[in-house]
C-alpha atoms as a PDB file:
ATOM      1  CA  MET A   1       5.054  15.309  24.971  1.00  0.00           C
ATOM      2  CA  ASP A   2       3.954  14.626  21.401  1.00  0.00           C
ATOM      3  CA  PRO A   3       0.846  12.380  21.565  1.00  0.00           C
ATOM      4  CA  TYR A   4       1.586  11.218  18.001  1.00  0.00           C
ATOM      5  CA  LEU A   5       5.296  10.490  18.496  1.00  0.00           C
ATOM      6  CA  LYS A   6       5.114   6.670  18.330  1.00  0.00           C
ATOM      7  CA  PRO A   7       3.106   6.396  15.070  1.00  0.00           C
ATOM      8  CA  ARG A   8       5.242   9.154  13.554  1.00  0.00           C
ATOM      9  CA  GLU A   9       8.428   7.272  14.433  1.00  0.00           C
ATOM     10  CA  ASP A  10       6.938   4.031  13.108  1.00  0.00           C
ATOM     11  CA  VAL A  11       6.066   5.650   9.770  1.00  0.00           C
ATOM     12  CA  ILE A  12       9.616   6.996   9.421  1.00  0.00           C
ATOM     13  CA  GLN A  13      11.138   3.598  10.224  1.00  0.00           C
ATOM     14  CA  CYS A  14       8.940   1.925   7.608  1.00  0.00           C
ATOM     15  CA  CYS A  15       9.617   4.593   4.964  1.00  0.00           C
ATOM     16  CA  GLN A  16      13.359   4.469   5.431  1.00  0.00           C
ATOM     17  CA  TRP A  17      13.441   0.660   5.190  1.00  0.00           C
ATOM     18  CA  LEU A  18      11.323   0.765   2.028  1.00  0.00           C
ATOM     19  CA  CYS A  19      13.526   3.491   0.602  1.00  0.00           C
ATOM     20  CA  GLN A  20      16.746   1.600   1.358  1.00  0.00           C
ATOM     21  CA  HIS A  21      15.335  -1.557  -0.264  1.00  0.00           C
ATOM     22  CA  GLY A  22      14.181   0.124  -3.464  1.00  0.00           C
ATOM     23  CA  TYR A  23      10.441   0.216  -2.834  1.00  0.00           C
ATOM     24  CA  PHE A  24      10.230   3.944  -3.525  1.00  0.00           C
ATOM     25  CA  GLY A  25      12.546   4.056  -6.520  1.00  0.00           C
ATOM     26  CA  SER A  26      15.652   5.674  -5.010  1.00  0.00           C
ATOM     27  CA  LEU A  27      17.250   6.836  -1.780  1.00  0.00           C
ATOM     28  CA  LEU A  28      16.569  10.447  -2.752  1.00  0.00           C
ATOM     29  CA  SER A  29      12.936   9.770  -3.570  1.00  0.00           C
ATOM     30  CA  ALA A  30       9.818  11.165  -1.975  1.00  0.00           C
ATOM     31  CA  GLY A  31       7.615   8.954  -4.146  1.00  0.00           C
ATOM     32  CA  GLY A  32       4.953   6.792  -2.562  1.00  0.00           C
ATOM     33  CA  ASN A  33       3.505   7.406   0.880  1.00  0.00           C
ATOM     34  CA  VAL A  34       2.795   5.643   4.161  1.00  0.00           C
ATOM     35  CA  SER A  35       0.040   6.207   6.699  1.00  0.00           C
ATOM     36  CA  VAL A  36      -1.306   4.790   9.950  1.00  0.00           C
ATOM     37  CA  ARG A  37      -4.859   5.116  11.221  1.00  0.00           C
ATOM     38  CA  LEU A  38      -5.093   6.076  14.901  1.00  0.00           C
ATOM     39  CA  PRO A  39      -7.240   3.620  16.877  1.00  0.00           C
ATOM     40  CA  ASP A  40     -10.842   4.570  17.634  1.00  0.00           C
ATOM     41  CA  GLU A  41     -10.771   7.982  15.946  1.00  0.00           C
ATOM     42  CA  PRO A  42     -11.023   9.286  12.360  1.00  0.00           C
ATOM     43  CA  VAL A  43      -7.405  10.480  12.300  1.00  0.00           C
ATOM     44  CA  LEU A  44      -4.396   9.359  10.286  1.00  0.00           C
ATOM     45  CA  VAL A  45      -0.657   9.964  10.460  1.00  0.00           C
ATOM     46  CA  ILE A  46       0.925  10.292   7.001  1.00  0.00           C
ATOM     47  CA  THR A  47       4.141  11.250   5.235  1.00  0.00           C
ATOM     48  CA  PRO A  48       4.503  14.839   4.010  1.00  0.00           C
ATOM     49  CA  SER A  49       4.664  15.904   0.373  1.00  0.00           C
ATOM     50  CA  GLY A  50       8.026  16.222  -1.371  1.00  0.00           C
ATOM     51  CA  LYS A  51      10.304  15.512   1.597  1.00  0.00           C
ATOM     52  CA  PRO A  52      12.973  12.805   1.036  1.00  0.00           C
ATOM     53  CA  TYR A  53      12.282   9.939   3.399  1.00  0.00           C
ATOM     54  CA  MET A  54      15.860   9.526   4.605  1.00  0.00           C
ATOM     55  CA  ASP A  55      15.743  13.088   6.001  1.00  0.00           C
ATOM     56  CA  LEU A  56      12.420  12.875   7.865  1.00  0.00           C
ATOM     57  CA  VAL A  57      12.059  13.684  11.549  1.00  0.00           C
ATOM     58  CA  PRO A  58       8.918  12.982  13.613  1.00  0.00           C
ATOM     59  CA  ASP A  59       7.631  16.576  13.681  1.00  0.00           C
ATOM     60  CA  GLU A  60       7.476  16.515   9.879  1.00  0.00           C
ATOM     61  CA  ILE A  61       5.043  13.591   9.740  1.00  0.00           C
ATOM     62  CA  CYS A  62       1.555  15.011   9.212  1.00  0.00           C
ATOM     63  CA  VAL A  63      -1.535  14.298  11.294  1.00  0.00           C
ATOM     64  CA  VAL A  64      -4.931  14.961   9.677  1.00  0.00           C
ATOM     65  CA  ASP A  65      -8.524  13.874  10.150  1.00  0.00           C
ATOM     66  CA  PHE A  66     -10.457  11.931   7.523  1.00  0.00           C
ATOM     67  CA  ASP A  67     -11.752  15.229   6.090  1.00  0.00           C
ATOM     68  CA  LEU A  68      -8.090  16.249   5.579  1.00  0.00           C
ATOM     69  CA  ASN A  69      -8.172  18.957   8.249  1.00  0.00           C
ATOM     70  CA  PRO A  70      -4.656  19.411   9.693  1.00  0.00           C
ATOM     71  CA  ILE A  71      -4.091  18.459  13.327  1.00  0.00           C
ATOM     72  CA  ALA A  72      -0.289  18.446  13.615  1.00  0.00           C
ATOM     73  CA  GLY A  73       2.745  18.869  11.390  1.00  0.00           C
ATOM     74  CA  GLU A  74       4.104  21.948   9.639  1.00  0.00           C
ATOM     75  CA  LEU A  75       4.537  20.438   6.161  1.00  0.00           C
ATOM     76  CA  ALA A  76       1.838  19.759   3.587  1.00  0.00           C
ATOM     77  CA  PRO A  77       0.613  16.155   3.747  1.00  0.00           C
ATOM     78  CA  SER A  78       1.064  13.762   0.838  1.00  0.00           C
ATOM     79  CA  ILE A  79      -0.913  14.539  -2.296  1.00  0.00           C
ATOM     80  CA  GLU A  80      -2.456  11.072  -1.860  1.00  0.00           C
ATOM     81  CA  THR A  81      -3.848  11.745   1.625  1.00  0.00           C
ATOM     82  CA  ALA A  82      -7.437  11.652   0.362  1.00  0.00           C
ATOM     83  CA  MET A  83      -6.755   8.204  -1.099  1.00  0.00           C
ATOM     84  CA  HIS A  84      -5.568   6.934   2.278  1.00  0.00           C
ATOM     85  CA  ALA A  85      -8.576   8.461   4.054  1.00  0.00           C
ATOM     86  CA  GLY A  86     -10.861   6.887   1.448  1.00  0.00           C
ATOM     87  CA  ILE A  87      -9.382   3.455   2.147  1.00  0.00           C
ATOM     88  CA  TYR A  88      -9.874   3.862   5.894  1.00  0.00           C
ATOM     89  CA  ARG A  89     -13.465   4.983   5.391  1.00  0.00           C
ATOM     90  CA  THR A  90     -14.141   1.970   3.154  1.00  0.00           C
ATOM     91  CA  ARG A  91     -12.234  -0.732   5.043  1.00  0.00           C
ATOM     92  CA  ASP A  92     -12.683  -0.870   8.822  1.00  0.00           C
ATOM     93  CA  ASP A  93     -10.151  -3.710   8.963  1.00  0.00           C
ATOM     94  CA  VAL A  94      -7.303  -1.569   7.603  1.00  0.00           C
ATOM     95  CA  GLY A  95      -5.058   0.224  10.080  1.00  0.00           C
ATOM     96  CA  ALA A  96      -2.156   1.138   7.789  1.00  0.00           C
ATOM     97  CA  VAL A  97      -1.526   1.840   4.104  1.00  0.00           C
ATOM     98  CA  VAL A  98       1.828   1.524   2.329  1.00  0.00           C
ATOM     99  CA  HIS A  99       1.784   2.980  -1.203  1.00  0.00           C
ATOM    100  CA  THR A 100       4.955   2.111  -3.104  1.00  0.00           C
ATOM    101  CA  HIS A 101       6.559   2.232  -6.525  1.00  0.00           C
ATOM    102  CA  GLN A 102       8.193  -1.168  -6.021  1.00  0.00           C
ATOM    103  CA  PRO A 103       9.856  -2.445  -9.227  1.00  0.00           C
ATOM    104  CA  HIS A 104       8.327  -5.845  -9.968  1.00  0.00           C
ATOM    105  CA  ALA A 105       4.801  -4.917  -8.940  1.00  0.00           C
ATOM    106  CA  SER A 106       5.196  -1.860 -11.182  1.00  0.00           C
ATOM    107  CA  VAL A 107       5.802  -4.171 -14.164  1.00  0.00           C
ATOM    108  CA  PHE A 108       2.215  -5.367 -13.770  1.00  0.00           C
ATOM    109  CA  ALA A 109       1.062  -1.770 -13.335  1.00  0.00           C
ATOM    110  CA  LEU A 110       2.392  -1.118 -16.856  1.00  0.00           C
ATOM    111  CA  ILE A 111       0.962  -4.211 -18.514  1.00  0.00           C
ATOM    112  CA  ASN A 112      -2.331  -3.756 -16.632  1.00  0.00           C
ATOM    113  CA  GLN A 113      -2.410  -7.347 -15.442  1.00  0.00           C
ATOM    114  CA  PRO A 114      -3.521  -8.698 -12.056  1.00  0.00           C
ATOM    115  CA  ILE A 115      -1.415 -11.230 -10.169  1.00  0.00           C
ATOM    116  CA  PRO A 116      -3.245 -14.491  -9.406  1.00  0.00           C
ATOM    117  CA  ALA A 117      -2.904 -16.640  -6.295  1.00  0.00           C
ATOM    118  CA  LEU A 118       0.481 -18.369  -6.651  1.00  0.00           C
ATOM    119  CA  PHE A 119       1.475 -19.398  -3.108  1.00  0.00           C
ATOM    120  CA  ASP A 120      -0.951 -20.373  -0.356  1.00  0.00           C
ATOM    121  CA  GLU A 121       0.967 -18.658   2.459  1.00  0.00           C
ATOM    122  CA  VAL A 122       1.149 -15.426   0.471  1.00  0.00           C
ATOM    123  CA  ALA A 123      -2.510 -15.559  -0.525  1.00  0.00           C
ATOM    124  CA  LEU A 124      -3.482 -15.936   3.133  1.00  0.00           C
ATOM    125  CA  SER A 125      -1.853 -12.563   3.845  1.00  0.00           C
ATOM    126  CA  ILE A 126      -2.553 -10.514   0.733  1.00  0.00           C
ATOM    127  CA  GLY A 127      -5.652 -12.172  -0.710  1.00  0.00           C
ATOM    128  CA  GLU A 128      -6.577 -14.405  -3.611  1.00  0.00           C
ATOM    129  CA  THR A 129      -5.886 -11.896  -6.397  1.00  0.00           C
ATOM    130  CA  VAL A 130      -3.825  -8.727  -6.654  1.00  0.00           C
ATOM    131  CA  ALA A 131      -6.350  -6.685  -8.620  1.00  0.00           C
ATOM    132  CA  VAL A 132      -5.592  -3.646 -10.772  1.00  0.00           C
ATOM    133  CA  VAL A 133      -6.899  -0.211  -9.782  1.00  0.00           C
ATOM    134  CA  PRO A 134      -7.859   1.629 -13.016  1.00  0.00           C
ATOM    135  CA  TYR A 135      -5.645   4.593 -13.846  1.00  0.00           C
ATOM    136  CA  ALA A 136      -6.412   8.148 -12.773  1.00  0.00           C
ATOM    137  CA  LEU A 137      -4.089  11.095 -12.205  1.00  0.00           C
ATOM    138  CA  SER A 138      -2.328  11.154  -8.827  1.00  0.00           C
ATOM    139  CA  GLY A 139      -4.092  13.154  -6.153  1.00  0.00           C
ATOM    140  CA  THR A 140      -7.410  13.406  -8.000  1.00  0.00           C
ATOM    141  CA  PRO A 141     -10.903  12.508  -6.751  1.00  0.00           C
ATOM    142  CA  GLU A 142     -11.095  10.059  -9.664  1.00  0.00           C
ATOM    143  CA  LEU A 143      -8.155   8.070  -8.278  1.00  0.00           C
ATOM    144  CA  VAL A 144      -9.657   8.122  -4.784  1.00  0.00           C
ATOM    145  CA  GLU A 145     -12.896   6.686  -6.159  1.00  0.00           C
ATOM    146  CA  ASN A 146     -11.127   4.065  -8.288  1.00  0.00           C
ATOM    147  CA  VAL A 147      -9.145   2.914  -5.260  1.00  0.00           C
ATOM    148  CA  ARG A 148     -12.171   2.952  -2.979  1.00  0.00           C
ATOM    149  CA  GLN A 149     -14.177   0.775  -5.343  1.00  0.00           C
ATOM    150  CA  THR A 150     -11.354  -1.723  -5.913  1.00  0.00           C
ATOM    151  CA  VAL A 151     -10.353  -2.272  -2.271  1.00  0.00           C
ATOM    152  CA  THR A 152     -13.875  -3.437  -1.425  1.00  0.00           C
ATOM    153  CA  ASN A 153     -12.805  -6.925  -2.572  1.00  0.00           C
ATOM    154  CA  GLY A 154     -11.233  -7.413   0.873  1.00  0.00           C
ATOM    155  CA  CYS A 155      -7.708  -8.167  -0.366  1.00  0.00           C
ATOM    156  CA  ASN A 156      -4.646  -6.392   0.992  1.00  0.00           C
ATOM    157  CA  CYS A 157      -2.484  -5.760  -2.085  1.00  0.00           C
ATOM    158  CA  PHE A 158      -3.315  -3.959  -5.323  1.00  0.00           C
ATOM    159  CA  ILE A 159      -1.636  -2.869  -8.526  1.00  0.00           C
ATOM    160  CA  MET A 160      -2.246   0.776  -9.496  1.00  0.00           C
ATOM    161  CA  GLN A 161      -2.315   1.031 -13.272  1.00  0.00           C
ATOM    162  CA  ASN A 162       0.649   3.064 -14.608  1.00  0.00           C
ATOM    163  CA  HIS A 163       1.473   4.075 -11.063  1.00  0.00           C
ATOM    164  CA  GLY A 164       2.646   1.538  -8.472  1.00  0.00           C
ATOM    165  CA  ALA A 165       1.233  -0.604  -5.690  1.00  0.00           C
ATOM    166  CA  LEU A 166      -1.007  -0.378  -2.631  1.00  0.00           C
ATOM    167  CA  ASN A 167      -0.381  -2.552   0.416  1.00  0.00           C
ATOM    168  CA  LEU A 168      -2.848  -2.647   3.292  1.00  0.00           C
ATOM    169  CA  GLY A 169      -2.793  -4.242   6.729  1.00  0.00           C
ATOM    170  CA  LYS A 170      -4.525  -4.178  10.084  1.00  0.00           C
ATOM    171  CA  ASN A 171      -1.394  -2.440  11.375  1.00  0.00           C
ATOM    172  CA  LEU A 172       1.783  -0.970   9.903  1.00  0.00           C
ATOM    173  CA  GLU A 173       3.838  -4.105  10.492  1.00  0.00           C
ATOM    174  CA  LYS A 174       1.410  -6.183   8.426  1.00  0.00           C
ATOM    175  CA  ALA A 175       1.024  -3.616   5.627  1.00  0.00           C
ATOM    176  CA  TRP A 176       4.829  -3.361   5.447  1.00  0.00           C
ATOM    177  CA  LYS A 177       5.164  -7.155   5.318  1.00  0.00           C
ATOM    178  CA  ASN A 178       2.472  -7.346   2.642  1.00  0.00           C
ATOM    179  CA  ALA A 179       4.499  -4.985   0.456  1.00  0.00           C
ATOM    180  CA  GLU A 180       7.378  -7.459   0.663  1.00  0.00           C
ATOM    181  CA  LEU A 181       5.115 -10.444  -0.065  1.00  0.00           C
ATOM    182  CA  LEU A 182       3.675  -8.644  -3.077  1.00  0.00           C
ATOM    183  CA  GLU A 183       7.136  -7.941  -4.447  1.00  0.00           C
ATOM    184  CA  LYS A 184       8.121 -11.593  -4.014  1.00  0.00           C
ATOM    185  CA  SER A 185       5.032 -12.741  -5.916  1.00  0.00           C
ATOM    186  CA  ALA A 186       5.426 -10.107  -8.624  1.00  0.00           C
ATOM    187  CA  GLN A 187       9.097 -10.935  -9.164  1.00  0.00           C
ATOM    188  CA  VAL A 188       8.549 -14.687  -9.385  1.00  0.00           C
ATOM    189  CA  TYR A 189       5.448 -14.334 -11.577  1.00  0.00           C
ATOM    190  CA  CYS A 190       7.264 -11.962 -13.931  1.00  0.00           C
ATOM    191  CA  GLN A 191      10.175 -14.376 -14.257  1.00  0.00           C
ATOM    192  CA  ALA A 192       7.842 -17.338 -14.743  1.00  0.00           C
ATOM    193  CA  LEU A 193       6.018 -15.539 -17.564  1.00  0.00           C
ATOM    194  CA  THR A 194       9.303 -14.939 -19.409  1.00  0.00           C
ATOM    195  CA  THR A 195       9.855 -18.701 -19.750  1.00  0.00           C
ATOM    196  CA  GLY A 196       6.913 -18.930 -22.120  1.00  0.00           C
ATOM    197  CA  LYS A 197       5.675 -21.991 -20.264  1.00  0.00           C
ATOM    198  CA  PRO A 198       2.258 -22.245 -18.563  1.00  0.00           C
ATOM    199  CA  VAL A 199       2.211 -20.785 -15.056  1.00  0.00           C
ATOM    200  CA  THR A 200       0.433 -22.938 -12.504  1.00  0.00           C
ATOM    201  CA  THR A 201      -1.759 -21.050 -10.070  1.00  0.00           C
ATOM    202  CA  LEU A 202      -3.278 -22.404  -6.882  1.00  0.00           C
ATOM    203  CA  PRO A 203      -6.087 -24.947  -7.360  1.00  0.00           C
ATOM    204  CA  VAL A 204      -9.628 -23.581  -7.186  1.00  0.00           C
ATOM    205  CA  GLU A 205     -10.246 -25.569  -4.003  1.00  0.00           C
ATOM    206  CA  THR A 206      -7.227 -23.999  -2.306  1.00  0.00           C
ATOM    207  CA  VAL A 207      -8.233 -20.506  -3.385  1.00  0.00           C
ATOM    208  CA  GLU A 208     -11.702 -21.066  -1.905  1.00  0.00           C
ATOM    209  CA  LEU A 209     -10.156 -22.371   1.327  1.00  0.00           C
ATOM    210  CA  VAL A 210      -7.915 -19.299   1.505  1.00  0.00           C
ATOM    211  CA  ARG A 211     -10.947 -17.084   0.942  1.00  0.00           C
ATOM    212  CA  GLN A 212     -12.826 -18.738   3.787  1.00  0.00           C
ATOM    213  CA  LEU A 213      -9.844 -18.637   6.146  1.00  0.00           C
ATOM    214  CA  ARG A 214      -9.303 -14.953   5.446  1.00  0.00           C
ATOM    215  CA  LYS A 215     -12.913 -14.223   6.416  1.00  0.00           C
END
């Protein structure tokens, strides 16, 4: 019996939903990556490198420790595995990471602009601001460090400059949902900006209340 079967199946289910709904760019894509931290041990389950998500089977989902030593899985893990491990090392509250190339969030990745708090119910889940992670080449230690430093703000969604988006959660269900909430906010904010009219953000008092509630 595969001790990692359930998290492997969960990762595949999430990836295939994201793929079918355009969060990875196309149905044939292997862009982006998804991981789950195993409870009470420095181990993560993560998508492999270069394998289309619609074709994945559980045995192909990789299991590695936080030092990237392989534990299970025959394929090479995602090139961004060190980034995921860095997030887990930095944020004890994070149990899953969903890295996407979702379209509207990617608009802000190209214009290098954070997304402010627009809706109170969204801000409660993803945080007061969707900050921008400074650009570095995919899979490099520089990107790992840029991500690690940015996620210390305690929020759950981030824009990766000229790259895509990062969505965190205490479990995969919440990280997955946060990806959808981010896309909603990014789409509406993008459309609001095109009107040329001032965009109203949440009042300072509400943002502070959200911050306190999230603590």
